[in-house]
Amino acid sequence: MQTIQFEDEQRVYLVENAITRECCLIQSGIGITQRNLESFGTKYRMTSEEFYKKYQKGEADDDLEIMHSAS
């Protein structure tokens, strides 16, 4: 098996690019989550904070979509 050798500059470049790519994926996931929360709030006429308080008290509706959102 052949070993690939990298110079220090190449290692830094590879790591920086990997970190940048992961940051982009995280930002994308945050955006998707924010849109989902906004959609949920519009549909059920409550903020996620209001829902969570009701959920903790056992007052949340047992609708499957709502329970999925809580998990």
Foldseek 3Di string as FASTA:
>chain_A
DDDDDDDPVVVVVVVVVVVVVVVVVVVVVVVVVVVVQVVVCVVVVHHVVVQVVCVVVVNHDPPPVSVVVVD
